[in-house]
N, C-alpha and C. Protein backbone atom coordinates (compact mmCIF):
# COMPACT_ATOMS: atom_id res chain seq x y z
N MET A 1 -11.91 50.39 88.92
CA MET A 1 -12.03 50.92 87.65
C MET A 1 -13.01 50.13 86.76
N LYS A 2 -12.93 48.94 86.76
CA LYS A 2 -13.70 47.95 85.92
C LYS A 2 -15.26 48.16 86.49
N LEU A 3 -15.34 48.12 87.89
CA LEU A 3 -16.66 48.19 88.37
C LEU A 3 -17.34 49.71 88.09
N VAL A 4 -16.47 50.76 88.02
CA VAL A 4 -16.97 51.99 87.69
C VAL A 4 -17.48 51.94 86.14
N ARG A 5 -16.63 51.52 85.28
CA ARG A 5 -17.11 51.46 83.91
C ARG A 5 -18.34 50.54 83.66
N GLU A 6 -18.54 49.45 84.59
CA GLU A 6 -19.79 48.74 84.49
C GLU A 6 -21.01 49.47 85.04
N GLY A 7 -20.67 50.55 85.67
CA GLY A 7 -21.81 51.17 86.31
C GLY A 7 -22.30 50.71 87.76
N LYS A 8 -21.19 49.86 88.38
CA LYS A 8 -21.51 48.98 89.53
C LYS A 8 -20.75 49.68 90.73
N ALA A 9 -20.09 50.89 90.59
CA ALA A 9 -19.52 51.42 91.76
C ALA A 9 -19.81 53.14 91.59
N SER A 10 -20.31 53.49 92.66
CA SER A 10 -20.68 54.94 92.57
C SER A 10 -19.99 55.74 93.65
N HIS A 11 -20.22 57.10 93.50
CA HIS A 11 -19.44 58.14 94.39
C HIS A 11 -19.41 57.64 95.81
N GLY A 12 -18.22 57.89 96.40
CA GLY A 12 -18.17 57.54 97.82
C GLY A 12 -17.76 56.03 98.21
N MET A 13 -17.85 55.23 97.19
CA MET A 13 -17.68 53.73 97.39
C MET A 13 -16.10 53.59 97.76
N ALA A 14 -15.80 52.87 98.79
CA ALA A 14 -14.42 52.41 99.09
C ALA A 14 -14.18 51.09 99.08
N PHE A 15 -13.04 50.62 98.28
CA PHE A 15 -12.88 49.18 98.14
C PHE A 15 -11.61 48.84 98.89
N PHE A 16 -11.55 47.97 99.99
CA PHE A 16 -10.35 47.76 100.65
C PHE A 16 -9.99 46.24 100.24
N ALA A 17 -8.59 46.16 100.14
CA ALA A 17 -8.19 44.87 99.71
C ALA A 17 -7.02 44.44 100.90
N LEU A 18 -7.23 43.20 101.37
CA LEU A 18 -6.33 42.55 102.35
C LEU A 18 -4.95 42.19 101.66
N GLU A 19 -5.24 41.86 100.20
CA GLU A 19 -4.03 41.57 99.51
C GLU A 19 -4.18 42.01 98.14
N GLN A 20 -3.04 42.41 97.50
CA GLN A 20 -3.14 43.03 96.00
C GLN A 20 -2.15 41.85 95.21
N THR A 21 -2.48 41.74 94.02
CA THR A 21 -1.63 40.79 93.26
C THR A 21 -1.08 41.63 92.14
N GLN A 22 -1.67 42.70 91.83
CA GLN A 22 -1.32 43.54 90.66
C GLN A 22 -1.22 45.09 91.11
N GLY A 23 -0.90 45.21 92.17
CA GLY A 23 -0.86 46.72 92.83
C GLY A 23 0.27 47.67 91.99
N LYS A 24 -0.35 48.76 91.57
CA LYS A 24 0.25 49.69 90.76
C LYS A 24 0.78 50.99 91.47
N GLY A 25 1.97 51.53 91.16
CA GLY A 25 2.33 52.71 91.69
C GLY A 25 2.70 53.70 90.60
N GLN A 26 3.22 54.85 90.81
CA GLN A 26 3.64 55.64 89.97
C GLN A 26 4.72 55.14 88.95
N ARG A 27 4.66 55.93 87.72
CA ARG A 27 5.68 55.51 86.70
C ARG A 27 5.73 54.24 86.43
N ASN A 28 4.47 53.44 86.27
CA ASN A 28 4.36 52.07 85.81
C ASN A 28 5.05 51.13 86.74
N LYS A 29 5.35 51.71 88.16
CA LYS A 29 6.01 50.73 89.02
C LYS A 29 4.95 49.81 89.62
N SER A 30 5.41 48.51 90.22
CA SER A 30 4.37 47.70 90.96
C SER A 30 4.46 48.25 92.37
N TRP A 31 3.43 47.96 93.14
CA TRP A 31 3.29 48.36 94.48
C TRP A 31 3.11 46.91 95.23
N LEU A 32 4.08 46.57 96.06
CA LEU A 32 4.04 45.25 96.71
C LEU A 32 3.95 45.33 98.18
N SER A 33 2.92 44.34 98.69
CA SER A 33 2.54 44.63 100.01
C SER A 33 2.31 43.22 100.60
N ASN A 34 2.67 43.02 101.82
CA ASN A 34 2.31 41.76 102.56
C ASN A 34 0.86 41.61 102.99
N PRO A 35 0.27 40.37 102.53
CA PRO A 35 -1.20 40.22 102.82
C PRO A 35 -1.53 40.59 104.18
N GLY A 36 -2.71 41.51 104.29
CA GLY A 36 -3.15 41.78 105.83
C GLY A 36 -2.48 42.71 106.63
N GLU A 37 -1.49 43.18 106.04
CA GLU A 37 -0.69 44.02 107.00
C GLU A 37 -0.74 45.54 106.58
N ASN A 38 -1.32 45.99 105.62
CA ASN A 38 -1.21 47.29 105.08
C ASN A 38 -2.68 47.92 104.63
N LEU A 39 -2.78 49.18 104.61
CA LEU A 39 -3.97 49.84 104.09
C LEU A 39 -3.85 49.94 102.39
N LEU A 40 -4.61 49.25 101.91
CA LEU A 40 -4.74 49.16 100.35
C LEU A 40 -6.32 49.40 100.12
N THR A 41 -6.47 50.59 99.52
CA THR A 41 -7.83 51.00 99.21
C THR A 41 -8.04 51.85 97.99
N SER A 42 -9.17 51.79 97.28
CA SER A 42 -9.49 52.53 96.31
C SER A 42 -10.84 53.12 96.53
N VAL A 43 -10.98 54.52 96.31
CA VAL A 43 -12.24 55.26 96.66
C VAL A 43 -12.61 55.89 95.42
N VAL A 44 -13.92 55.60 95.15
CA VAL A 44 -14.51 56.18 93.87
C VAL A 44 -15.09 57.76 94.23
N LEU A 45 -14.72 58.62 93.26
CA LEU A 45 -15.21 60.08 93.42
C LEU A 45 -15.92 60.47 92.14
N ASP A 46 -17.18 60.90 92.30
CA ASP A 46 -17.76 61.64 91.10
C ASP A 46 -17.11 63.04 90.89
N CYS A 47 -16.69 63.17 89.77
CA CYS A 47 -16.02 64.62 89.52
C CYS A 47 -16.78 65.41 88.59
N LYS A 48 -18.03 65.24 88.20
CA LYS A 48 -18.70 65.97 87.24
C LYS A 48 -18.73 67.53 87.61
N ASN A 49 -18.79 67.85 88.86
CA ASN A 49 -18.77 69.14 89.22
C ASN A 49 -17.44 69.87 89.30
N TYR A 50 -16.51 69.06 88.95
CA TYR A 50 -15.09 69.63 88.98
C TYR A 50 -14.66 70.07 87.63
N GLU A 51 -13.74 71.05 87.52
CA GLU A 51 -13.13 71.34 86.37
C GLU A 51 -11.85 70.55 86.06
N LEU A 52 -11.65 70.31 84.79
CA LEU A 52 -10.35 69.67 84.45
C LEU A 52 -9.07 70.08 84.98
N ASN A 53 -9.03 71.34 85.24
CA ASN A 53 -7.86 72.16 85.76
C ASN A 53 -7.71 71.92 87.08
N GLN A 54 -8.69 71.21 87.87
CA GLN A 54 -8.66 71.05 89.29
C GLN A 54 -8.16 69.59 89.57
N GLN A 55 -7.56 69.05 88.71
CA GLN A 55 -6.90 67.68 88.98
C GLN A 55 -6.01 67.59 90.05
N PHE A 56 -4.97 68.68 90.06
CA PHE A 56 -4.11 68.65 91.05
C PHE A 56 -4.60 68.97 92.36
N SER A 57 -5.75 69.75 92.46
CA SER A 57 -6.35 69.98 93.59
C SER A 57 -6.74 68.75 94.30
N LEU A 58 -7.32 67.80 93.41
CA LEU A 58 -7.82 66.49 93.86
C LEU A 58 -6.58 65.73 94.55
N SER A 59 -5.42 65.88 93.93
CA SER A 59 -4.26 65.13 94.19
C SER A 59 -3.59 65.73 95.59
N MET A 60 -3.86 67.04 95.65
CA MET A 60 -3.38 67.60 97.00
C MET A 60 -4.26 67.22 98.15
N ALA A 61 -5.65 67.23 97.86
CA ALA A 61 -6.63 66.92 98.94
C ALA A 61 -6.38 65.43 99.44
N THR A 62 -6.13 64.55 98.38
CA THR A 62 -5.88 63.15 98.78
C THR A 62 -4.65 62.97 99.48
N SER A 63 -3.59 63.78 98.97
CA SER A 63 -2.17 63.55 99.84
C SER A 63 -2.44 64.18 101.17
N LEU A 64 -3.22 65.30 101.20
CA LEU A 64 -3.33 65.81 102.71
C LEU A 64 -4.12 65.03 103.58
N ALA A 65 -5.16 64.16 103.02
CA ALA A 65 -6.05 63.35 104.00
C ALA A 65 -5.15 62.23 104.48
N CYS A 66 -4.32 61.56 103.57
CA CYS A 66 -3.25 60.49 103.98
C CYS A 66 -2.17 61.24 105.01
N TYR A 67 -1.76 62.28 104.69
CA TYR A 67 -0.77 62.96 105.65
C TYR A 67 -1.38 63.21 106.87
N ASN A 68 -2.58 63.84 106.97
CA ASN A 68 -3.20 64.01 108.32
C ASN A 68 -3.48 62.80 109.11
N LEU A 69 -3.74 61.81 108.52
CA LEU A 69 -4.02 60.50 109.10
C LEU A 69 -2.53 60.02 109.71
N LEU A 70 -1.65 59.94 108.85
CA LEU A 70 -0.22 59.44 109.38
C LEU A 70 0.33 60.32 110.42
N LYS A 71 0.18 61.61 110.13
CA LYS A 71 0.59 62.57 111.31
C LYS A 71 0.10 62.30 112.59
N GLN A 72 -1.22 61.95 112.67
CA GLN A 72 -2.06 61.76 114.00
C GLN A 72 -1.26 60.51 114.71
N TYR A 73 -0.87 59.47 113.98
CA TYR A 73 -0.34 58.26 114.65
C TYR A 73 1.16 58.30 114.53
N GLY A 74 1.81 59.03 113.59
CA GLY A 74 3.27 58.91 113.35
C GLY A 74 4.07 60.12 113.83
N GLY A 75 3.33 61.29 114.28
CA GLY A 75 4.02 62.33 114.57
C GLY A 75 4.26 63.38 113.49
N ASP A 76 5.17 64.22 113.78
CA ASP A 76 5.52 65.62 113.13
C ASP A 76 6.46 65.39 111.96
N GLU A 77 7.08 64.24 112.08
CA GLU A 77 8.15 64.10 110.85
C GLU A 77 7.52 63.53 109.62
N MET A 78 6.31 63.62 109.37
CA MET A 78 5.54 63.21 108.25
C MET A 78 5.56 64.33 107.14
N SER A 79 5.67 63.93 105.83
CA SER A 79 5.77 65.04 104.83
C SER A 79 5.02 64.35 103.65
N ILE A 80 4.81 65.35 102.59
CA ILE A 80 4.34 64.83 101.33
C ILE A 80 5.46 65.03 100.25
N LYS A 81 5.82 64.04 99.67
CA LYS A 81 6.85 64.32 98.62
C LYS A 81 6.16 64.43 97.32
N TRP A 82 6.43 65.49 96.63
CA TRP A 82 5.86 65.89 95.38
C TRP A 82 5.85 64.86 94.37
N PRO A 83 4.93 64.35 93.73
CA PRO A 83 3.61 64.99 93.76
C PRO A 83 2.69 64.39 94.97
N ASN A 84 2.90 63.23 95.18
CA ASN A 84 1.91 62.52 96.11
C ASN A 84 2.29 61.20 96.70
N ASP A 85 3.69 61.26 97.14
CA ASP A 85 4.12 60.15 97.95
C ASP A 85 4.16 60.74 99.45
N LEU A 86 3.94 59.72 100.31
CA LEU A 86 3.91 60.11 101.77
C LEU A 86 5.36 59.55 102.49
N TYR A 87 5.88 60.46 103.03
CA TYR A 87 7.15 60.27 103.68
C TYR A 87 7.29 60.49 105.22
N TRP A 88 8.15 59.72 105.82
CA TRP A 88 8.49 60.01 107.10
C TRP A 88 9.93 60.13 107.27
N ARG A 89 10.53 61.28 107.56
CA ARG A 89 11.96 61.59 107.47
C ARG A 89 12.42 61.44 106.03
N ASP A 90 13.27 60.48 105.58
CA ASP A 90 13.64 60.20 104.20
C ASP A 90 13.27 58.89 103.81
N ARG A 91 12.10 58.40 104.41
CA ARG A 91 11.75 57.10 104.00
C ARG A 91 10.19 57.09 103.69
N LYS A 92 9.71 56.12 102.64
CA LYS A 92 8.40 56.14 102.00
C LYS A 92 7.55 55.35 103.02
N ALA A 93 6.34 56.00 103.16
CA ALA A 93 5.35 55.34 104.19
C ALA A 93 4.14 55.00 103.13
N GLY A 94 4.11 55.63 101.94
CA GLY A 94 2.90 55.32 101.20
C GLY A 94 3.02 56.05 99.84
N GLY A 95 1.96 55.84 99.15
CA GLY A 95 1.88 56.43 97.77
C GLY A 95 0.46 56.51 97.30
N ILE A 96 0.15 57.27 96.29
CA ILE A 96 -1.16 57.39 95.79
C ILE A 96 -1.07 57.55 94.24
N LEU A 97 -2.13 56.85 93.76
CA LEU A 97 -2.24 56.75 92.30
C LEU A 97 -3.66 57.01 91.90
N ILE A 98 -3.88 58.16 91.24
CA ILE A 98 -5.28 58.63 90.85
C ILE A 98 -5.45 58.27 89.41
N GLU A 99 -6.63 57.46 89.12
CA GLU A 99 -6.95 57.16 87.66
C GLU A 99 -8.35 58.00 87.29
N ASN A 100 -8.35 58.49 86.26
CA ASN A 100 -9.45 59.20 85.87
C ASN A 100 -10.13 58.77 84.61
N ILE A 101 -11.54 59.00 84.62
CA ILE A 101 -12.44 58.70 83.37
C ILE A 101 -12.61 60.23 82.98
N ILE A 102 -12.25 60.65 81.77
CA ILE A 102 -12.43 62.00 81.32
C ILE A 102 -13.13 61.73 79.78
N ILE A 103 -14.25 62.36 79.63
CA ILE A 103 -14.92 62.10 78.27
C ILE A 103 -15.06 63.50 77.70
N GLY A 104 -14.39 63.79 76.57
CA GLY A 104 -14.32 65.13 76.03
C GLY A 104 -13.87 66.18 76.97
N ASN A 105 -14.40 67.20 77.34
CA ASN A 105 -13.89 67.98 78.38
C ASN A 105 -14.46 67.83 79.72
N ASN A 106 -15.17 66.62 79.92
CA ASN A 106 -16.02 66.37 81.24
C ASN A 106 -15.15 65.47 81.99
N TRP A 107 -14.87 65.89 83.25
CA TRP A 107 -14.21 64.74 84.06
C TRP A 107 -15.22 64.10 84.71
N GLU A 108 -15.38 62.84 84.49
CA GLU A 108 -16.55 62.10 84.96
C GLU A 108 -16.30 61.43 86.41
N THR A 109 -15.23 60.79 86.50
CA THR A 109 -14.90 59.96 87.74
C THR A 109 -13.40 59.84 88.01
N ALA A 110 -13.04 59.79 89.23
CA ALA A 110 -11.70 59.61 89.70
C ALA A 110 -11.68 58.38 90.57
N VAL A 111 -10.73 57.51 90.43
CA VAL A 111 -10.65 56.39 91.45
C VAL A 111 -9.14 56.70 92.24
N LEU A 112 -9.35 56.88 93.46
CA LEU A 112 -8.24 57.36 94.35
C LEU A 112 -7.46 56.03 94.84
N GLY A 113 -6.49 55.47 94.18
CA GLY A 113 -5.74 54.49 94.72
C GLY A 113 -4.75 54.62 95.91
N ILE A 114 -4.94 54.25 97.02
CA ILE A 114 -4.01 54.55 98.13
C ILE A 114 -3.44 53.35 98.75
N GLY A 115 -1.95 53.37 99.03
CA GLY A 115 -1.29 52.21 99.57
C GLY A 115 -0.58 52.92 100.68
N ILE A 116 -0.78 52.54 101.96
CA ILE A 116 0.00 52.90 103.09
C ILE A 116 0.51 51.82 103.91
N ASN A 117 1.87 51.94 104.27
CA ASN A 117 2.58 50.82 105.06
C ASN A 117 2.03 50.87 106.46
N ILE A 118 1.41 49.87 106.95
CA ILE A 118 0.84 50.01 108.27
C ILE A 118 1.60 49.16 109.31
N ASN A 119 1.56 47.76 109.02
CA ASN A 119 2.28 46.93 110.00
C ASN A 119 3.38 46.14 109.42
N GLN A 120 3.82 46.28 108.12
CA GLN A 120 4.72 45.51 107.49
C GLN A 120 6.21 45.92 107.98
N THR A 121 7.04 45.13 108.31
CA THR A 121 8.42 45.36 108.94
C THR A 121 9.53 45.04 107.88
N LYS A 122 8.98 43.90 107.04
CA LYS A 122 9.97 43.44 106.18
C LYS A 122 9.56 43.71 104.72
N PHE A 123 10.50 44.24 104.01
CA PHE A 123 10.25 44.69 102.50
C PHE A 123 11.04 44.23 101.54
N PRO A 124 10.69 44.03 100.30
CA PRO A 124 11.45 43.50 99.30
C PRO A 124 12.80 44.43 99.15
N GLU A 125 13.87 43.80 98.60
CA GLU A 125 15.09 44.64 98.46
C GLU A 125 14.85 45.70 97.38
N MET A 126 13.93 45.43 96.42
CA MET A 126 13.63 46.44 95.46
C MET A 126 13.04 47.75 95.89
N HIS A 127 12.34 47.73 96.95
CA HIS A 127 11.73 48.84 97.42
C HIS A 127 12.78 49.87 98.12
N ARG A 128 12.68 51.07 97.76
CA ARG A 128 13.69 52.11 98.29
C ARG A 128 13.34 52.90 99.48
N ASN A 129 14.06 52.65 100.49
CA ASN A 129 13.83 53.22 101.85
C ASN A 129 12.47 53.19 102.38
N PRO A 130 11.68 52.04 102.36
CA PRO A 130 10.48 51.91 102.87
C PRO A 130 10.33 51.91 104.39
N VAL A 131 9.12 52.30 104.83
CA VAL A 131 8.94 52.40 106.45
C VAL A 131 7.38 52.24 106.58
N SER A 132 7.07 51.71 107.86
CA SER A 132 5.79 51.50 108.07
C SER A 132 5.34 52.19 109.40
N LEU A 133 3.95 52.42 109.58
CA LEU A 133 3.64 53.17 110.74
C LEU A 133 3.99 52.44 112.03
N LYS A 134 3.92 51.06 111.82
CA LYS A 134 4.49 50.23 113.14
C LYS A 134 5.90 50.56 113.58
N GLN A 135 6.84 50.65 112.48
CA GLN A 135 8.17 51.03 112.69
C GLN A 135 8.38 52.50 113.26
N ILE A 136 7.51 53.29 112.90
CA ILE A 136 7.43 54.73 113.28
C ILE A 136 6.99 54.88 114.73
N SER A 137 5.78 54.24 114.97
CA SER A 137 5.15 54.36 116.31
C SER A 137 5.47 53.36 117.34
N GLY A 138 6.01 52.13 116.87
CA GLY A 138 6.31 51.00 117.74
C GLY A 138 4.96 50.36 118.05
N LYS A 139 3.84 50.54 117.37
CA LYS A 139 2.69 49.99 117.78
C LYS A 139 2.12 49.36 116.51
N GLU A 140 1.27 48.28 116.74
CA GLU A 140 0.37 47.65 115.70
C GLU A 140 -1.04 48.59 115.36
N HIS A 141 -1.41 48.52 114.24
CA HIS A 141 -2.61 49.28 114.04
C HIS A 141 -3.49 48.59 113.08
N ASP A 142 -4.82 48.69 113.23
CA ASP A 142 -5.84 47.93 112.44
C ASP A 142 -5.96 48.54 110.96
N PRO A 143 -5.46 47.90 110.04
CA PRO A 143 -5.53 48.60 108.62
C PRO A 143 -6.82 49.02 108.25
N ILE A 144 -7.80 48.18 108.62
CA ILE A 144 -9.22 48.41 108.21
C ILE A 144 -9.84 49.48 109.07
N GLU A 145 -9.52 49.68 110.24
CA GLU A 145 -10.05 50.86 111.01
C GLU A 145 -9.25 52.12 110.27
N MET A 146 -8.00 51.99 110.18
CA MET A 146 -7.33 53.10 109.61
C MET A 146 -7.84 53.59 108.13
N ALA A 147 -8.38 52.70 107.39
CA ALA A 147 -9.01 53.02 106.18
C ALA A 147 -10.23 53.86 106.40
N LYS A 148 -11.01 53.39 107.39
CA LYS A 148 -12.28 54.10 107.82
C LYS A 148 -11.91 55.44 108.26
N GLU A 149 -10.98 55.73 109.01
CA GLU A 149 -10.51 57.01 109.40
C GLU A 149 -9.99 57.76 108.16
N LEU A 150 -9.40 57.08 107.23
CA LEU A 150 -8.95 57.89 106.09
C LEU A 150 -10.17 58.50 105.15
N CYS A 151 -11.05 57.59 105.10
CA CYS A 151 -12.32 58.05 104.37
C CYS A 151 -12.86 59.25 104.98
N ILE A 152 -12.91 59.39 106.26
CA ILE A 152 -13.24 60.61 106.91
C ILE A 152 -12.47 61.79 106.61
N GLU A 153 -11.23 61.57 106.57
CA GLU A 153 -10.18 62.75 106.15
C GLU A 153 -10.39 63.02 104.69
N LEU A 154 -10.72 62.05 103.95
CA LEU A 154 -10.80 62.28 102.51
C LEU A 154 -12.03 63.31 102.27
N GLU A 155 -13.14 62.79 102.94
CA GLU A 155 -14.32 63.68 102.96
C GLU A 155 -14.10 65.14 103.29
N LYS A 156 -13.21 65.27 104.33
CA LYS A 156 -13.00 66.66 104.74
C LYS A 156 -12.07 67.49 103.85
N MET A 157 -11.19 66.78 103.46
CA MET A 157 -10.15 67.52 102.56
C MET A 157 -10.66 67.71 101.12
N THR A 158 -11.46 66.72 100.55
CA THR A 158 -12.11 67.11 99.22
C THR A 158 -13.00 68.16 99.21
N SER A 159 -13.42 68.69 100.43
CA SER A 159 -14.41 69.89 100.59
C SER A 159 -13.61 71.00 100.21
N PHE A 160 -12.25 71.01 100.20
CA PHE A 160 -11.49 72.10 99.96
C PHE A 160 -11.22 72.53 98.29
N ILE A 161 -11.81 71.57 97.69
CA ILE A 161 -11.72 71.55 96.14
C ILE A 161 -12.73 72.60 95.62
N SER A 162 -12.47 73.95 95.74
CA SER A 162 -13.36 74.91 95.20
C SER A 162 -12.37 76.04 94.89
N LYS A 163 -13.03 77.05 93.95
CA LYS A 163 -12.30 78.11 93.64
C LYS A 163 -12.09 78.94 94.97
N GLU A 164 -12.92 78.97 95.88
CA GLU A 164 -12.81 79.76 97.16
C GLU A 164 -11.84 79.19 98.10
N LYS A 165 -11.70 77.85 98.15
CA LYS A 165 -10.61 77.28 99.05
C LYS A 165 -9.34 76.83 98.62
N SER A 166 -9.22 77.06 97.22
CA SER A 166 -7.94 76.56 96.56
C SER A 166 -6.84 76.95 97.12
N GLY A 167 -6.67 78.40 97.38
CA GLY A 167 -5.65 78.89 98.06
C GLY A 167 -5.29 78.30 99.38
N GLU A 168 -6.19 78.05 100.20
CA GLU A 168 -5.88 77.23 101.52
C GLU A 168 -5.44 75.88 101.33
N LEU A 169 -6.06 75.25 100.24
CA LEU A 169 -5.44 73.83 100.06
C LEU A 169 -4.11 73.88 99.51
N LEU A 170 -3.71 74.83 98.79
CA LEU A 170 -2.35 74.83 98.25
C LEU A 170 -1.35 75.23 99.41
N SER A 171 -1.93 76.03 100.28
CA SER A 171 -0.92 76.47 101.41
C SER A 171 -0.70 75.31 102.33
N LEU A 172 -1.85 74.41 102.54
CA LEU A 172 -1.67 73.32 103.49
C LEU A 172 -0.76 72.46 102.93
N TYR A 173 -0.76 72.26 101.61
CA TYR A 173 0.07 71.16 100.80
C TYR A 173 1.61 71.76 100.87
N ASN A 174 1.79 73.01 100.66
CA ASN A 174 3.04 73.56 100.69
C ASN A 174 3.76 73.43 102.03
N ASN A 175 2.79 73.65 103.17
CA ASN A 175 3.40 73.55 104.58
C ASN A 175 3.83 72.24 104.97
N SER A 176 3.24 71.10 104.28
CA SER A 176 3.73 69.84 104.53
C SER A 176 4.70 69.12 103.46
N LEU A 177 5.26 70.07 102.62
CA LEU A 177 6.01 69.62 101.52
C LEU A 177 7.30 69.18 101.88
N TYR A 178 7.88 67.85 101.40
CA TYR A 178 9.00 67.25 101.72
C TYR A 178 10.17 68.09 101.09
N LYS A 179 11.23 68.21 101.93
CA LYS A 179 12.39 68.88 101.47
C LYS A 179 12.31 70.56 101.00
N LYS A 180 11.31 70.94 101.37
CA LYS A 180 10.92 72.52 101.22
C LYS A 180 12.04 73.30 101.67
N ASP A 181 12.51 74.21 100.87
CA ASP A 181 13.61 75.22 101.15
C ASP A 181 15.05 74.46 101.40
N GLN A 182 14.98 73.15 100.86
CA GLN A 182 16.32 72.49 100.91
C GLN A 182 16.72 72.16 99.30
N ILE A 183 17.99 71.96 99.34
CA ILE A 183 18.71 71.98 97.96
C ILE A 183 18.45 70.33 97.70
N VAL A 184 18.10 69.98 96.42
CA VAL A 184 17.74 68.51 96.12
C VAL A 184 18.36 68.26 94.82
N ARG A 185 18.83 67.07 94.57
CA ARG A 185 19.21 66.71 93.44
C ARG A 185 18.23 65.70 92.56
N PHE A 186 18.02 66.26 91.24
CA PHE A 186 17.09 65.65 90.45
C PHE A 186 17.84 65.13 89.06
N ASN A 187 17.26 64.10 88.46
CA ASN A 187 17.63 63.59 87.22
C ASN A 187 16.71 64.29 86.16
N LYS A 188 17.45 64.92 85.11
CA LYS A 188 16.56 65.38 84.09
C LYS A 188 17.39 65.01 82.60
N ASN A 189 16.81 64.17 81.75
CA ASN A 189 17.52 63.62 80.53
C ASN A 189 18.87 63.07 80.90
N ASN A 190 18.79 62.31 82.00
CA ASN A 190 19.97 61.56 82.33
C ASN A 190 21.11 62.50 82.95
N LEU A 191 20.84 63.81 83.18
CA LEU A 191 21.61 64.76 83.88
C LEU A 191 21.41 65.21 85.28
N SER A 192 22.24 65.26 85.97
CA SER A 192 22.13 65.57 87.36
C SER A 192 22.00 66.95 87.64
N ILE A 193 20.84 67.52 88.32
CA ILE A 193 20.57 68.91 88.58
C ILE A 193 20.51 69.02 90.06
N GLU A 194 21.00 70.22 90.71
CA GLU A 194 20.72 70.47 91.92
C GLU A 194 19.92 71.88 92.03
N ALA A 195 18.84 71.92 92.89
CA ALA A 195 18.05 73.07 92.95
C ALA A 195 17.56 73.23 94.28
N ARG A 196 17.10 74.37 94.82
CA ARG A 196 16.29 74.58 96.00
C ARG A 196 14.74 74.42 95.73
N VAL A 197 14.22 73.55 96.70
CA VAL A 197 12.70 73.45 96.39
C VAL A 197 12.16 74.61 97.19
N LYS A 198 11.29 75.37 96.30
CA LYS A 198 10.60 76.53 96.91
C LYS A 198 9.03 76.32 97.20
N GLY A 199 8.41 75.30 96.64
CA GLY A 199 7.09 74.96 96.72
C GLY A 199 6.38 74.57 95.46
N VAL A 200 5.27 74.42 95.42
CA VAL A 200 4.35 74.05 94.39
C VAL A 200 3.30 74.97 94.01
N ASP A 201 3.09 75.16 92.79
CA ASP A 201 2.06 76.15 92.24
C ASP A 201 0.72 75.33 92.13
N MET A 202 -0.29 76.34 91.77
CA MET A 202 -1.67 75.70 91.78
C MET A 202 -1.86 74.65 90.53
N ASP A 203 -0.94 74.80 89.57
CA ASP A 203 -1.05 73.75 88.44
C ASP A 203 -0.44 72.52 88.79
N GLY A 204 0.20 72.35 89.83
CA GLY A 204 1.02 71.25 90.23
C GLY A 204 2.47 71.25 89.98
N ASN A 205 3.04 72.27 89.42
CA ASN A 205 4.43 72.23 89.05
C ASN A 205 5.23 72.77 90.22
N LEU A 206 6.32 72.05 90.33
CA LEU A 206 7.35 72.22 91.39
C LEU A 206 8.22 73.43 91.06
N MET A 207 8.09 74.38 92.07
CA MET A 207 8.97 75.60 92.01
C MET A 207 10.28 75.42 92.50
N LEU A 208 11.40 75.71 91.63
CA LEU A 208 12.75 75.52 92.06
C LEU A 208 13.45 76.79 91.98
N LYS A 209 14.46 76.89 92.76
CA LYS A 209 15.44 77.96 92.69
C LYS A 209 16.79 77.47 92.50
N GLY A 210 17.52 78.09 91.45
CA GLY A 210 18.90 77.46 91.14
C GLY A 210 18.99 76.69 89.92
N ASP A 211 17.78 76.57 89.17
CA ASP A 211 17.74 75.72 87.91
C ASP A 211 17.46 76.98 86.84
N SER A 212 17.79 76.48 85.55
CA SER A 212 17.25 77.28 84.48
C SER A 212 15.97 77.47 84.18
N ASN A 213 15.13 76.37 84.74
CA ASN A 213 13.75 76.39 84.59
C ASN A 213 13.05 76.53 85.91
N PRO A 214 12.57 77.47 86.32
CA PRO A 214 12.08 77.75 87.68
C PRO A 214 10.91 76.94 88.04
N THR A 215 10.27 76.26 87.13
CA THR A 215 9.22 75.33 87.49
C THR A 215 9.21 74.11 86.70
N ILE A 216 8.88 72.98 87.24
CA ILE A 216 8.73 71.80 86.61
C ILE A 216 7.61 70.98 86.66
N ALA A 217 7.04 70.20 85.67
CA ALA A 217 5.92 69.53 85.59
C ALA A 217 6.35 68.04 86.13
N TRP A 218 5.18 67.36 86.80
CA TRP A 218 5.62 66.12 87.14
C TRP A 218 5.87 65.31 85.90
N GLY A 219 6.90 64.35 86.00
CA GLY A 219 7.35 63.63 84.85
C GLY A 219 8.43 64.06 84.07
N ASP A 220 8.77 65.53 84.28
CA ASP A 220 9.80 66.04 83.48
C ASP A 220 11.22 65.84 84.24
N MET A 221 11.10 65.60 85.58
CA MET A 221 12.31 65.27 86.25
C MET A 221 11.96 64.21 87.28
N GLU A 222 12.98 63.50 87.73
CA GLU A 222 12.89 62.50 88.82
C GLU A 222 13.75 62.84 90.00
N TRP A 223 13.22 62.65 91.27
CA TRP A 223 13.92 63.00 92.46
C TRP A 223 15.04 61.85 92.51
N VAL A 224 16.15 62.37 92.98
CA VAL A 224 17.38 61.46 93.35
C VAL A 224 17.45 61.31 94.90
N ASP A 225 16.97 60.28 95.56
CA ASP A 225 16.99 60.12 96.78
C ASP A 225 18.54 59.74 97.38
């Protein structure tokens, strides 16, 4: 992001880290990773041709690119946990954090921060149910080559960010949604709520059945694993 603001990073540039010392996750959590074992990358995207209401479309496209890559090597039990965590069964394989530069009503740039567990097999106790591709597939993989493949998937999936293809993008996302049609427990204002996950709408709201609020925006509730 610093390089973007200094005008030294342009559309399509991907930065790969062998080690992170200040890795960031969702909800201001830290992202911890063993040096050299995982896929840690940030991709710069020029968003001047996008509308502000397409931010969740970018989140879906990024999630699906990661999902497609993991499914290729990890099999059919991969899923996307709303809004943009990558899961194998009930274990977290990766996460996404998108940071935007918005000036007025103009969406200038997005930096797609992606972390995927590739070869790490021992995790800090503070991590909740982590899993790596090595644990899933039984094989070691080259994180840098995986990052190159991910960039190809990103280019393919971001081409779906258009009014004409938005429905197809949403359908692909919902078809890979974690716990879809299952009853899930959430925390809302320190209260436990159970509801059936029906899907996600175009605005990025999680649609539920069995709760007084049929849709929830990210940040309003927290999954209880």
